[in-house]
Amino acid sequence: MRAVIFDFDGTIADSFTAVMDIAYRVTKNEQLKDINNVLAIKDSHKGLREAVKILDIPRWRGIWMLKKGRKIMSKDILNVPLFEGIDEALARLRRAQYELFIVTSNSTKNVEKFLSTKGILSEFKAIYGGASLFNKQSLIKRLIKDNKLKISSTMYVGDEVRDIEAAKLLNMPIIAVSWGYNTEQLLLQHKPTILARTPKQLADVIIGWDDES
């Protein structure tokens, strides 16, 4: 069975603004209060590690922020929009008999609530939440083992450099999407297997990749 593992925030859910608002509410960091400053950091071709340094967030505090942020997100998740066209892309992949999964740093409960509200929860076989910000590969590896998947027939889809890094550590094909957190330029610098610029193109390249394999 062919499988596709998706990231959630920035790949399926257009949650950038919500995440930045929560980050400010948790940290009170004035750099996060001004959305123009946040966008400048986002567009400066910096990955998450560099952004954390710019914002002067210690690692221990980052872990605490993530946990607290998940709780706040549970109240805000229903206001987060779905990226336009991603629902059609998911439905197309399911019709093509792909098994779909999610691995995310968000909580499983938040993701399930979001997907259910959008009417697409049934598209996914399983959701693995609570991934580490900088060790996502461990949860991906567990998902692969739990579901008896083969890396050779599994693809990963994400919007950040850390997604590319995680997939490469597992020797898994990685499709980077340019509509999320990291810029297209930064993603290409880290050499994903494929770059997709729209959800329609995402479904095209996944199915096309398999047809060529």
N, C-alpha and C. Protein backbone atom coordinates (compact mmCIF):
# COMPACT_ATOMS: atom_id res chain seq x y z
N MET A 1 0.85 -1.20 0.00
CA MET A 1 0.00 0.00 0.00
C MET A 1 0.88 1.25 0.00
N ARG A 2 0.61 2.17 -0.92
CA ARG A 2 1.33 3.44 -0.96
C ARG A 2 0.80 4.37 0.13
N ALA A 3 1.68 5.16 0.70
CA ALA A 3 1.27 6.02 1.82
C ALA A 3 1.90 7.40 1.69
N VAL A 4 1.19 8.39 2.23
CA VAL A 4 1.69 9.76 2.28
C VAL A 4 1.50 10.27 3.71
N ILE A 5 2.58 10.76 4.30
CA ILE A 5 2.55 11.33 5.64
C ILE A 5 2.60 12.85 5.51
N PHE A 6 1.63 13.53 6.09
CA PHE A 6 1.55 14.98 6.00
C PHE A 6 1.92 15.64 7.32
N ASP A 7 2.60 16.77 7.22
CA ASP A 7 2.69 17.72 8.31
C ASP A 7 1.32 18.39 8.39
N PHE A 8 1.03 19.09 9.48
CA PHE A 8 -0.30 19.71 9.63
C PHE A 8 -0.25 21.23 9.52
N ASP A 9 0.37 21.90 10.50
CA ASP A 9 0.41 23.37 10.50
C ASP A 9 1.28 23.86 9.35
N GLY A 10 0.70 24.69 8.49
CA GLY A 10 1.45 25.24 7.36
C GLY A 10 1.40 24.37 6.12
N THR A 11 0.85 23.16 6.26
CA THR A 11 0.74 22.26 5.12
C THR A 11 -0.73 21.99 4.79
N ILE A 12 -1.50 21.67 5.81
CA ILE A 12 -2.94 21.46 5.66
C ILE A 12 -3.71 22.65 6.22
N ALA A 13 -3.32 23.08 7.42
CA ALA A 13 -3.99 24.20 8.09
C ALA A 13 -3.19 25.49 7.91
N ASP A 14 -3.88 26.55 7.53
CA ASP A 14 -3.25 27.86 7.36
C ASP A 14 -3.21 28.57 8.71
N SER A 15 -2.34 28.06 9.58
CA SER A 15 -2.37 28.47 10.99
C SER A 15 -1.25 29.43 11.39
N PHE A 16 -0.52 29.97 10.43
CA PHE A 16 0.63 30.82 10.76
C PHE A 16 0.24 31.99 11.67
N THR A 17 -0.80 32.73 11.28
CA THR A 17 -1.22 33.89 12.07
C THR A 17 -1.64 33.47 13.47
N ALA A 18 -2.40 32.37 13.56
CA ALA A 18 -2.87 31.89 14.87
C ALA A 18 -1.70 31.47 15.75
N VAL A 19 -0.73 30.77 15.16
CA VAL A 19 0.43 30.30 15.91
C VAL A 19 1.25 31.49 16.42
N MET A 20 1.43 32.51 15.58
CA MET A 20 2.20 33.67 15.99
C MET A 20 1.48 34.44 17.10
N ASP A 21 0.15 34.52 17.00
CA ASP A 21 -0.63 35.19 18.05
C ASP A 21 -0.50 34.45 19.37
N ILE A 22 -0.57 33.13 19.31
CA ILE A 22 -0.43 32.31 20.53
C ILE A 22 0.98 32.47 21.11
N ALA A 23 1.98 32.48 20.22
CA ALA A 23 3.37 32.63 20.68
C ALA A 23 3.55 33.94 21.44
N TYR A 24 2.90 35.01 20.95
CA TYR A 24 3.00 36.29 21.66
C TYR A 24 2.29 36.23 23.01
N ARG A 25 1.11 35.62 23.02
CA ARG A 25 0.34 35.52 24.26
C ARG A 25 1.08 34.70 25.33
N VAL A 26 1.85 33.72 24.88
CA VAL A 26 2.60 32.88 25.82
C VAL A 26 3.86 33.56 26.30
N THR A 27 4.60 34.21 25.38
CA THR A 27 5.92 34.75 25.71
C THR A 27 5.93 36.23 26.06
N LYS A 28 4.94 36.98 25.55
CA LYS A 28 4.91 38.44 25.67
C LYS A 28 6.15 39.07 25.01
N ASN A 29 6.75 38.35 24.08
CA ASN A 29 7.90 38.87 23.34
C ASN A 29 7.41 39.94 22.37
N GLU A 30 7.90 41.16 22.55
CA GLU A 30 7.41 42.29 21.76
C GLU A 30 7.68 42.12 20.26
N GLN A 31 8.69 41.31 19.92
CA GLN A 31 8.98 41.09 18.50
C GLN A 31 7.85 40.33 17.81
N LEU A 32 7.07 39.60 18.60
CA LEU A 32 5.96 38.83 18.04
C LEU A 32 4.65 39.62 18.00
N LYS A 33 4.65 40.78 18.63
CA LYS A 33 3.42 41.57 18.69
C LYS A 33 3.12 42.22 17.35
N ASP A 34 4.17 42.61 16.63
CA ASP A 34 4.02 43.29 15.34
C ASP A 34 4.06 42.26 14.22
N ILE A 35 2.93 42.05 13.54
CA ILE A 35 2.86 41.04 12.50
C ILE A 35 3.85 41.34 11.37
N ASN A 36 4.12 42.61 11.11
CA ASN A 36 5.08 42.95 10.05
C ASN A 36 6.49 42.49 10.42
N ASN A 37 6.83 42.58 11.69
CA ASN A 37 8.13 42.10 12.15
C ASN A 37 8.19 40.58 12.05
N VAL A 38 7.10 39.92 12.40
CA VAL A 38 7.03 38.46 12.31
C VAL A 38 7.20 38.01 10.86
N LEU A 39 6.51 38.70 9.96
CA LEU A 39 6.61 38.35 8.54
C LEU A 39 8.02 38.60 8.01
N ALA A 40 8.68 39.64 8.54
CA ALA A 40 10.06 39.92 8.13
C ALA A 40 10.99 38.79 8.53
N ILE A 41 10.78 38.24 9.73
CA ILE A 41 11.58 37.10 10.18
C ILE A 41 11.27 35.88 9.30
N LYS A 42 9.99 35.66 9.03
CA LYS A 42 9.57 34.53 8.19
C LYS A 42 10.18 34.61 6.80
N ASP A 43 10.20 35.82 6.24
CA ASP A 43 10.67 35.99 4.86
C ASP A 43 12.17 36.23 4.75
N SER A 44 12.89 36.13 5.87
CA SER A 44 14.33 36.38 5.86
C SER A 44 15.12 35.12 5.55
N HIS A 45 14.41 34.08 5.09
CA HIS A 45 15.04 32.81 4.71
C HIS A 45 15.71 32.14 5.91
N LYS A 46 15.07 32.26 7.07
CA LYS A 46 15.59 31.61 8.27
C LYS A 46 14.70 30.42 8.62
N GLY A 47 15.31 29.32 8.98
CA GLY A 47 14.56 28.17 9.45
C GLY A 47 14.11 28.38 10.88
N LEU A 48 13.42 27.41 11.44
CA LEU A 48 12.88 27.54 12.79
C LEU A 48 13.97 27.73 13.83
N ARG A 49 15.07 27.00 13.69
CA ARG A 49 16.17 27.15 14.67
C ARG A 49 16.69 28.58 14.70
N GLU A 50 16.86 29.17 13.51
CA GLU A 50 17.36 30.55 13.45
C GLU A 50 16.33 31.54 13.98
N ALA A 51 15.05 31.28 13.70
CA ALA A 51 14.00 32.17 14.19
C ALA A 51 13.96 32.16 15.72
N VAL A 52 14.13 30.98 16.31
CA VAL A 52 14.16 30.86 17.77
C VAL A 52 15.32 31.67 18.34
N LYS A 53 16.46 31.64 17.67
CA LYS A 53 17.62 32.41 18.12
C LYS A 53 17.35 33.92 18.03
N ILE A 54 16.76 34.34 16.91
CA ILE A 54 16.45 35.75 16.71
C ILE A 54 15.51 36.25 17.81
N LEU A 55 14.56 35.42 18.17
CA LEU A 55 13.58 35.79 19.19
C LEU A 55 14.09 35.58 20.61
N ASP A 56 15.32 35.04 20.71
CA ASP A 56 15.97 34.84 22.01
C ASP A 56 15.12 33.97 22.94
N ILE A 57 14.70 32.81 22.41
CA ILE A 57 13.89 31.87 23.18
C ILE A 57 14.76 30.69 23.58
N PRO A 58 15.05 30.50 24.88
CA PRO A 58 15.84 29.35 25.33
C PRO A 58 15.13 28.04 24.99
N ARG A 59 15.91 26.97 24.80
CA ARG A 59 15.33 25.68 24.42
C ARG A 59 14.29 25.20 25.44
N TRP A 60 14.62 25.33 26.74
CA TRP A 60 13.67 24.85 27.76
C TRP A 60 12.37 25.62 27.70
N ARG A 61 12.47 26.91 27.41
CA ARG A 61 11.26 27.73 27.35
C ARG A 61 10.46 27.40 26.09
N GLY A 62 11.17 27.04 25.02
CA GLY A 62 10.49 26.65 23.78
C GLY A 62 9.62 25.42 23.99
N ILE A 63 10.12 24.45 24.76
CA ILE A 63 9.35 23.24 25.05
C ILE A 63 8.11 23.58 25.87
N TRP A 64 8.28 24.44 26.86
CA TRP A 64 7.15 24.88 27.68
C TRP A 64 6.13 25.65 26.83
N MET A 65 6.62 26.52 25.95
CA MET A 65 5.74 27.29 25.07
C MET A 65 4.91 26.38 24.19
N LEU A 66 5.54 25.33 23.67
CA LEU A 66 4.84 24.41 22.78
C LEU A 66 3.68 23.73 23.50
N LYS A 67 3.93 23.28 24.72
CA LYS A 67 2.87 22.60 25.49
C LYS A 67 1.72 23.56 25.81
N LYS A 68 2.08 24.76 26.26
CA LYS A 68 1.05 25.74 26.60
C LYS A 68 0.31 26.20 25.34
N GLY A 69 1.07 26.33 24.25
CA GLY A 69 0.47 26.75 22.99
C GLY A 69 -0.56 25.77 22.47
N ARG A 70 -0.30 24.47 22.65
CA ARG A 70 -1.26 23.45 22.22
C ARG A 70 -2.59 23.61 22.95
N LYS A 71 -2.51 23.94 24.25
CA LYS A 71 -3.74 24.11 25.03
C LYS A 71 -4.53 25.32 24.55
N ILE A 72 -3.83 26.40 24.27
CA ILE A 72 -4.51 27.60 23.77
C ILE A 72 -5.10 27.33 22.39
N MET A 73 -4.34 26.62 21.56
CA MET A 73 -4.79 26.32 20.21
C MET A 73 -6.09 25.53 20.20
N SER A 74 -6.31 24.72 21.24
CA SER A 74 -7.54 23.92 21.29
C SER A 74 -8.77 24.81 21.29
N LYS A 75 -8.64 26.05 21.78
CA LYS A 75 -9.76 26.98 21.81
C LYS A 75 -9.86 27.77 20.50
N ASP A 76 -8.73 27.90 19.80
CA ASP A 76 -8.69 28.74 18.60
C ASP A 76 -8.75 27.94 17.30
N ILE A 77 -8.62 26.62 17.37
CA ILE A 77 -8.42 25.81 16.18
C ILE A 77 -9.56 25.92 15.17
N LEU A 78 -10.78 26.12 15.65
CA LEU A 78 -11.92 26.17 14.74
C LEU A 78 -11.92 27.44 13.89
N ASN A 79 -11.13 28.44 14.27
CA ASN A 79 -11.04 29.68 13.50
C ASN A 79 -9.93 29.62 12.45
N VAL A 80 -9.16 28.54 12.45
CA VAL A 80 -8.05 28.41 11.50
C VAL A 80 -8.58 27.90 10.17
N PRO A 81 -8.22 28.56 9.05
CA PRO A 81 -8.71 28.09 7.75
C PRO A 81 -7.91 26.93 7.18
N LEU A 82 -8.55 26.21 6.30
CA LEU A 82 -7.91 25.15 5.52
C LEU A 82 -7.29 25.80 4.29
N PHE A 83 -6.08 25.38 3.92
CA PHE A 83 -5.51 25.92 2.68
C PHE A 83 -6.41 25.57 1.50
N GLU A 84 -6.66 26.55 0.66
CA GLU A 84 -7.56 26.35 -0.47
C GLU A 84 -7.05 25.23 -1.39
N GLY A 85 -7.91 24.29 -1.66
CA GLY A 85 -7.58 23.21 -2.60
C GLY A 85 -6.98 21.98 -1.95
N ILE A 86 -6.60 22.06 -0.66
CA ILE A 86 -5.96 20.90 -0.04
C ILE A 86 -6.96 19.77 0.16
N ASP A 87 -8.24 20.11 0.39
CA ASP A 87 -9.25 19.06 0.56
C ASP A 87 -9.44 18.27 -0.73
N GLU A 88 -9.43 18.96 -1.88
CA GLU A 88 -9.55 18.26 -3.16
C GLU A 88 -8.33 17.37 -3.42
N ALA A 89 -7.15 17.86 -3.03
CA ALA A 89 -5.92 17.07 -3.22
C ALA A 89 -5.97 15.80 -2.38
N LEU A 90 -6.43 15.91 -1.14
CA LEU A 90 -6.53 14.74 -0.26
C LEU A 90 -7.53 13.73 -0.81
N ALA A 91 -8.68 14.23 -1.27
CA ALA A 91 -9.70 13.34 -1.82
C ALA A 91 -9.18 12.62 -3.06
N ARG A 92 -8.44 13.32 -3.88
CA ARG A 92 -7.88 12.71 -5.08
C ARG A 92 -6.89 11.60 -4.73
N LEU A 93 -6.06 11.84 -3.73
CA LEU A 93 -5.10 10.82 -3.30
C LEU A 93 -5.80 9.60 -2.72
N ARG A 94 -6.87 9.82 -1.97
CA ARG A 94 -7.62 8.69 -1.42
C ARG A 94 -8.28 7.88 -2.54
N ARG A 95 -8.80 8.58 -3.55
CA ARG A 95 -9.39 7.86 -4.69
C ARG A 95 -8.35 7.03 -5.42
N ALA A 96 -7.10 7.51 -5.37
CA ALA A 96 -5.99 6.77 -5.99
C ALA A 96 -5.44 5.69 -5.05
N GLN A 97 -6.13 5.48 -3.93
CA GLN A 97 -5.85 4.41 -2.97
C GLN A 97 -4.54 4.59 -2.19
N TYR A 98 -4.24 5.84 -1.87
CA TYR A 98 -3.15 6.11 -0.95
C TYR A 98 -3.68 6.08 0.48
N GLU A 99 -2.88 5.58 1.40
CA GLU A 99 -3.18 5.72 2.82
C GLU A 99 -2.56 7.04 3.29
N LEU A 100 -3.33 7.86 3.99
CA LEU A 100 -2.87 9.18 4.40
C LEU A 100 -2.73 9.25 5.92
N PHE A 101 -1.66 9.89 6.37
CA PHE A 101 -1.36 10.02 7.79
C PHE A 101 -0.93 11.45 8.07
N ILE A 102 -0.93 11.82 9.35
CA ILE A 102 -0.41 13.12 9.78
C ILE A 102 0.57 12.91 10.93
N VAL A 103 1.70 13.61 10.85
CA VAL A 103 2.64 13.72 11.97
C VAL A 103 2.81 15.21 12.25
N THR A 104 2.60 15.62 13.49
CA THR A 104 2.58 17.05 13.79
C THR A 104 3.07 17.35 15.20
N SER A 105 3.58 18.57 15.37
CA SER A 105 3.94 19.05 16.70
C SER A 105 2.72 19.53 17.47
N ASN A 106 1.62 19.72 16.75
CA ASN A 106 0.35 20.08 17.39
C ASN A 106 -0.19 18.84 18.11
N SER A 107 -1.27 19.00 18.86
CA SER A 107 -1.83 17.85 19.57
C SER A 107 -2.78 17.07 18.66
N THR A 108 -2.86 15.78 18.88
CA THR A 108 -3.77 14.94 18.10
C THR A 108 -5.21 15.43 18.24
N LYS A 109 -5.58 15.81 19.46
CA LYS A 109 -6.94 16.28 19.72
C LYS A 109 -7.27 17.53 18.91
N ASN A 110 -6.33 18.49 18.86
CA ASN A 110 -6.55 19.70 18.07
C ASN A 110 -6.73 19.38 16.60
N VAL A 111 -5.88 18.50 16.08
CA VAL A 111 -5.93 18.16 14.66
C VAL A 111 -7.23 17.44 14.32
N GLU A 112 -7.63 16.52 15.16
CA GLU A 112 -8.88 15.79 14.92
C GLU A 112 -10.08 16.74 14.92
N LYS A 113 -10.08 17.70 15.85
CA LYS A 113 -11.17 18.67 15.92
C LYS A 113 -11.22 19.50 14.64
N PHE A 114 -10.06 19.96 14.19
CA PHE A 114 -9.97 20.76 12.97
C PHE A 114 -10.46 19.98 11.75
N LEU A 115 -9.93 18.78 11.57
CA LEU A 115 -10.27 17.98 10.39
C LEU A 115 -11.74 17.59 10.39
N SER A 116 -12.28 17.30 11.58
CA SER A 116 -13.69 16.93 11.68
C SER A 116 -14.58 18.10 11.25
N THR A 117 -14.23 19.30 11.72
CA THR A 117 -15.01 20.49 11.37
C THR A 117 -14.96 20.76 9.87
N LYS A 118 -13.83 20.48 9.25
CA LYS A 118 -13.67 20.72 7.81
C LYS A 118 -14.22 19.56 6.97
N GLY A 119 -14.65 18.49 7.63
CA GLY A 119 -15.23 17.36 6.91
C GLY A 119 -14.23 16.45 6.23
N ILE A 120 -12.97 16.44 6.71
CA ILE A 120 -11.95 15.64 6.04
C ILE A 120 -11.22 14.68 6.99
N LEU A 121 -11.75 14.50 8.20
CA LEU A 121 -11.10 13.61 9.15
C LEU A 121 -11.01 12.18 8.60
N SER A 122 -12.04 11.75 7.89
CA SER A 122 -12.08 10.38 7.39
C SER A 122 -11.05 10.10 6.29
N GLU A 123 -10.43 11.14 5.76
CA GLU A 123 -9.41 10.94 4.73
C GLU A 123 -8.13 10.32 5.31
N PHE A 124 -7.95 10.43 6.63
CA PHE A 124 -6.70 10.01 7.26
C PHE A 124 -6.86 8.72 8.05
N LYS A 125 -5.88 7.85 7.90
CA LYS A 125 -5.90 6.58 8.63
C LYS A 125 -5.50 6.78 10.08
N ALA A 126 -4.53 7.67 10.33
CA ALA A 126 -4.06 7.90 11.70
C ALA A 126 -3.40 9.26 11.81
N ILE A 127 -3.46 9.84 13.02
CA ILE A 127 -2.83 11.12 13.31
C ILE A 127 -1.89 10.93 14.50
N TYR A 128 -0.64 11.30 14.32
CA TYR A 128 0.35 11.20 15.38
C TYR A 128 0.74 12.62 15.79
N GLY A 129 0.26 13.07 16.95
CA GLY A 129 0.54 14.42 17.42
C GLY A 129 1.62 14.44 18.49
N GLY A 130 2.03 15.66 18.85
CA GLY A 130 3.01 15.84 19.91
C GLY A 130 4.45 15.62 19.49
N ALA A 131 4.74 15.76 18.21
CA ALA A 131 6.12 15.58 17.74
C ALA A 131 7.03 16.65 18.30
N SER A 132 8.29 16.30 18.55
CA SER A 132 9.29 17.26 18.98
C SER A 132 9.55 18.27 17.86
N LEU A 133 9.84 19.51 18.24
CA LEU A 133 10.11 20.53 17.23
C LEU A 133 11.32 20.18 16.38
N PHE A 134 12.33 19.55 16.99
CA PHE A 134 13.57 19.30 16.26
C PHE A 134 13.94 17.83 16.16
N ASN A 135 12.98 16.95 16.38
CA ASN A 135 13.25 15.51 16.24
C ASN A 135 11.99 14.82 15.72
N LYS A 136 11.46 15.35 14.65
CA LYS A 136 10.21 14.84 14.10
C LYS A 136 10.37 13.42 13.56
N GLN A 137 11.61 13.08 13.17
CA GLN A 137 11.84 11.79 12.55
C GLN A 137 11.51 10.62 13.49
N SER A 138 11.63 10.84 14.80
CA SER A 138 11.33 9.76 15.74
C SER A 138 9.87 9.35 15.67
N LEU A 139 8.98 10.34 15.60
CA LEU A 139 7.55 10.04 15.53
C LEU A 139 7.19 9.47 14.16
N ILE A 140 7.83 9.97 13.11
CA ILE A 140 7.59 9.41 11.78
C ILE A 140 8.01 7.94 11.75
N LYS A 141 9.15 7.66 12.35
CA LYS A 141 9.65 6.28 12.40
C LYS A 141 8.67 5.37 13.13
N ARG A 142 8.10 5.87 14.23
CA ARG A 142 7.13 5.06 14.98
C ARG A 142 5.87 4.82 14.16
N LEU A 143 5.42 5.85 13.45
CA LEU A 143 4.24 5.69 12.59
C LEU A 143 4.48 4.61 11.54
N ILE A 144 5.64 4.65 10.92
CA ILE A 144 5.98 3.66 9.89
C ILE A 144 5.97 2.25 10.46
N LYS A 145 6.53 2.09 11.65
CA LYS A 145 6.57 0.77 12.29
C LYS A 145 5.18 0.31 12.69
N ASP A 146 4.41 1.20 13.33
CA ASP A 146 3.07 0.85 13.80
C ASP A 146 2.17 0.38 12.66
N ASN A 147 2.30 1.03 11.50
CA ASN A 147 1.40 0.77 10.38
C ASN A 147 2.01 -0.13 9.31
N LYS A 148 3.18 -0.70 9.64
CA LYS A 148 3.85 -1.66 8.74
C LYS A 148 4.02 -1.09 7.33
N LEU A 149 4.48 0.16 7.28
CA LEU A 149 4.73 0.80 5.99
C LEU A 149 6.15 0.54 5.53
N LYS A 150 6.37 0.67 4.25
CA LYS A 150 7.71 0.60 3.68
C LYS A 150 8.16 2.01 3.30
N ILE A 151 9.34 2.38 3.73
CA ILE A 151 9.84 3.72 3.41
C ILE A 151 9.91 3.93 1.90
N SER A 152 10.21 2.88 1.17
CA SER A 152 10.33 2.98 -0.29
C SER A 152 9.01 3.34 -0.97
N SER A 153 7.88 3.11 -0.29
CA SER A 153 6.58 3.42 -0.88
C SER A 153 5.82 4.45 -0.05
N THR A 154 6.57 5.22 0.75
CA THR A 154 5.97 6.25 1.60
C THR A 154 6.62 7.60 1.31
N MET A 155 5.81 8.64 1.20
CA MET A 155 6.31 10.00 0.99
C MET A 155 5.92 10.87 2.17
N TYR A 156 6.73 11.89 2.40
CA TYR A 156 6.43 12.85 3.46
C TYR A 156 6.22 14.22 2.84
N VAL A 157 5.24 14.97 3.35
CA VAL A 157 4.91 16.29 2.82
C VAL A 157 4.96 17.30 3.96
N GLY A 158 5.75 18.37 3.77
CA GLY A 158 5.85 19.38 4.81
C GLY A 158 6.25 20.73 4.26
N ASP A 159 6.15 21.75 5.12
CA ASP A 159 6.39 23.13 4.66
C ASP A 159 7.63 23.76 5.26
N GLU A 160 8.42 23.00 6.05
CA GLU A 160 9.57 23.59 6.73
C GLU A 160 10.85 22.82 6.47
N VAL A 161 11.96 23.49 6.71
CA VAL A 161 13.27 22.85 6.59
C VAL A 161 13.37 21.64 7.50
N ARG A 162 12.80 21.75 8.71
CA ARG A 162 12.88 20.62 9.63
C ARG A 162 12.14 19.39 9.11
N ASP A 163 11.15 19.59 8.25
CA ASP A 163 10.47 18.47 7.61
C ASP A 163 11.41 17.78 6.61
N ILE A 164 12.13 18.60 5.86
CA ILE A 164 13.10 18.05 4.90
C ILE A 164 14.18 17.27 5.63
N GLU A 165 14.68 17.86 6.71
CA GLU A 165 15.75 17.20 7.48
C GLU A 165 15.28 15.87 8.06
N ALA A 166 14.05 15.84 8.60
CA ALA A 166 13.53 14.61 9.20
C ALA A 166 13.39 13.51 8.16
N ALA A 167 12.85 13.86 7.00
CA ALA A 167 12.67 12.86 5.95
C ALA A 167 14.01 12.33 5.44
N LYS A 168 14.97 13.21 5.29
CA LYS A 168 16.28 12.78 4.79
C LYS A 168 16.97 11.83 5.77
N LEU A 169 16.78 12.04 7.06
CA LEU A 169 17.37 11.16 8.06
C LEU A 169 16.80 9.75 7.96
N LEU A 170 15.60 9.64 7.40
CA LEU A 170 14.94 8.34 7.25
C LEU A 170 15.04 7.82 5.81
N ASN A 171 15.77 8.56 4.96
CA ASN A 171 15.89 8.19 3.54
C ASN A 171 14.53 8.09 2.86
N MET A 172 13.65 9.02 3.22
CA MET A 172 12.29 9.03 2.69
C MET A 172 12.12 10.19 1.70
N PRO A 173 11.45 9.97 0.57
CA PRO A 173 11.18 11.08 -0.36
C PRO A 173 10.40 12.17 0.36
N ILE A 174 10.78 13.43 0.13
CA ILE A 174 10.14 14.56 0.80
C ILE A 174 9.64 15.57 -0.22
N ILE A 175 8.36 15.88 -0.15
CA ILE A 175 7.78 16.91 -0.99
C ILE A 175 7.60 18.15 -0.13
N ALA A 176 8.32 19.20 -0.45
CA ALA A 176 8.19 20.47 0.27
C ALA A 176 7.13 21.32 -0.40
N VAL A 177 6.27 21.95 0.40
CA VAL A 177 5.23 22.82 -0.15
C VAL A 177 5.57 24.27 0.16
N SER A 178 5.35 25.14 -0.81
CA SER A 178 5.84 26.52 -0.68
C SER A 178 4.80 27.47 -0.10
N TRP A 179 3.63 26.96 0.31
CA TRP A 179 2.59 27.86 0.83
C TRP A 179 2.59 27.95 2.35
N GLY A 180 3.57 27.35 3.03
CA GLY A 180 3.59 27.33 4.48
C GLY A 180 4.56 28.30 5.11
N TYR A 181 5.25 27.85 6.18
CA TYR A 181 6.09 28.75 6.97
C TYR A 181 7.36 29.18 6.24
N ASN A 182 8.12 28.22 5.73
CA ASN A 182 9.40 28.57 5.10
C ASN A 182 9.23 28.96 3.64
N THR A 183 10.07 29.87 3.19
CA THR A 183 9.99 30.35 1.82
C THR A 183 10.46 29.29 0.83
N GLU A 184 10.01 29.46 -0.40
CA GLU A 184 10.43 28.54 -1.47
C GLU A 184 11.94 28.53 -1.62
N GLN A 185 12.56 29.70 -1.55
CA GLN A 185 14.01 29.79 -1.70
C GLN A 185 14.73 28.98 -0.64
N LEU A 186 14.30 29.11 0.61
CA LEU A 186 14.94 28.38 1.70
C LEU A 186 14.72 26.88 1.54
N LEU A 187 13.51 26.47 1.19
CA LEU A 187 13.22 25.05 0.99
C LEU A 187 14.12 24.45 -0.09
N LEU A 188 14.27 25.16 -1.20
CA LEU A 188 15.09 24.66 -2.30
C LEU A 188 16.56 24.56 -1.92
N GLN A 189 17.01 25.45 -1.05
CA GLN A 189 18.40 25.38 -0.58
C GLN A 189 18.68 24.06 0.13
N HIS A 190 17.65 23.48 0.73
CA HIS A 190 17.81 22.23 1.48
C HIS A 190 17.47 20.99 0.65
N LYS A 191 17.22 21.20 -0.62
CA LYS A 191 17.10 20.12 -1.60
C LYS A 191 16.07 19.04 -1.26
N PRO A 192 14.79 19.43 -1.26
CA PRO A 192 13.74 18.41 -1.13
C PRO A 192 13.71 17.55 -2.38
N THR A 193 13.05 16.41 -2.31
CA THR A 193 12.91 15.56 -3.49
C THR A 193 12.14 16.29 -4.57
N ILE A 194 11.06 16.93 -4.17
CA ILE A 194 10.20 17.69 -5.09
C ILE A 194 9.68 18.92 -4.34
N LEU A 195 9.41 20.01 -5.08
CA LEU A 195 8.75 21.18 -4.50
C LEU A 195 7.39 21.32 -5.16
N ALA A 196 6.34 21.49 -4.37
CA ALA A 196 4.99 21.74 -4.89
C ALA A 196 4.56 23.14 -4.51
N ARG A 197 3.99 23.86 -5.48
CA ARG A 197 3.60 25.25 -5.25
C ARG A 197 2.10 25.42 -5.01
N THR A 198 1.32 24.41 -5.35
CA THR A 198 -0.13 24.46 -5.11
C THR A 198 -0.60 23.07 -4.68
N PRO A 199 -1.74 22.99 -3.96
CA PRO A 199 -2.27 21.68 -3.60
C PRO A 199 -2.55 20.79 -4.81
N LYS A 200 -3.04 21.36 -5.90
CA LYS A 200 -3.30 20.56 -7.10
C LYS A 200 -2.00 19.96 -7.62
N GLN A 201 -0.95 20.79 -7.65
CA GLN A 201 0.35 20.29 -8.10
C GLN A 201 0.87 19.22 -7.15
N LEU A 202 0.57 19.35 -5.87
CA LEU A 202 1.00 18.35 -4.89
C LEU A 202 0.45 16.97 -5.25
N ALA A 203 -0.86 16.89 -5.51
CA ALA A 203 -1.46 15.61 -5.89
C ALA A 203 -0.86 15.12 -7.20
N ASP A 204 -0.64 16.04 -8.13
CA ASP A 204 -0.05 15.66 -9.43
C ASP A 204 1.32 15.01 -9.25
N VAL A 205 2.17 15.64 -8.43
CA VAL A 205 3.55 15.14 -8.33
C VAL A 205 3.61 13.83 -7.54
N ILE A 206 2.72 13.65 -6.57
CA ILE A 206 2.70 12.39 -5.81
C ILE A 206 2.31 11.24 -6.73
N ILE A 207 1.21 11.43 -7.45
CA ILE A 207 0.75 10.37 -8.36
C ILE A 207 1.74 10.18 -9.50
N GLY A 208 2.29 11.28 -9.99
CA GLY A 208 3.26 11.20 -11.08
C GLY A 208 4.55 10.51 -10.66
N TRP A 209 4.98 10.77 -9.42
CA TRP A 209 6.19 10.12 -8.89
C TRP A 209 6.02 8.62 -8.88
N ASP A 210 4.87 8.15 -8.42
CA ASP A 210 4.61 6.71 -8.37
C ASP A 210 4.53 6.12 -9.77
N ASP A 211 3.92 6.85 -10.70
CA ASP A 211 3.79 6.33 -12.06
C ASP A 211 5.15 6.15 -12.72
N GLU A 212 6.13 7.01 -12.32
CA GLU A 212 7.46 6.92 -12.91
C GLU A 212 8.35 5.91 -12.22
N SER A 213 7.97 5.52 -10.99
CA SER A 213 8.81 4.62 -10.18
C SER A 213 8.71 3.17 -10.68
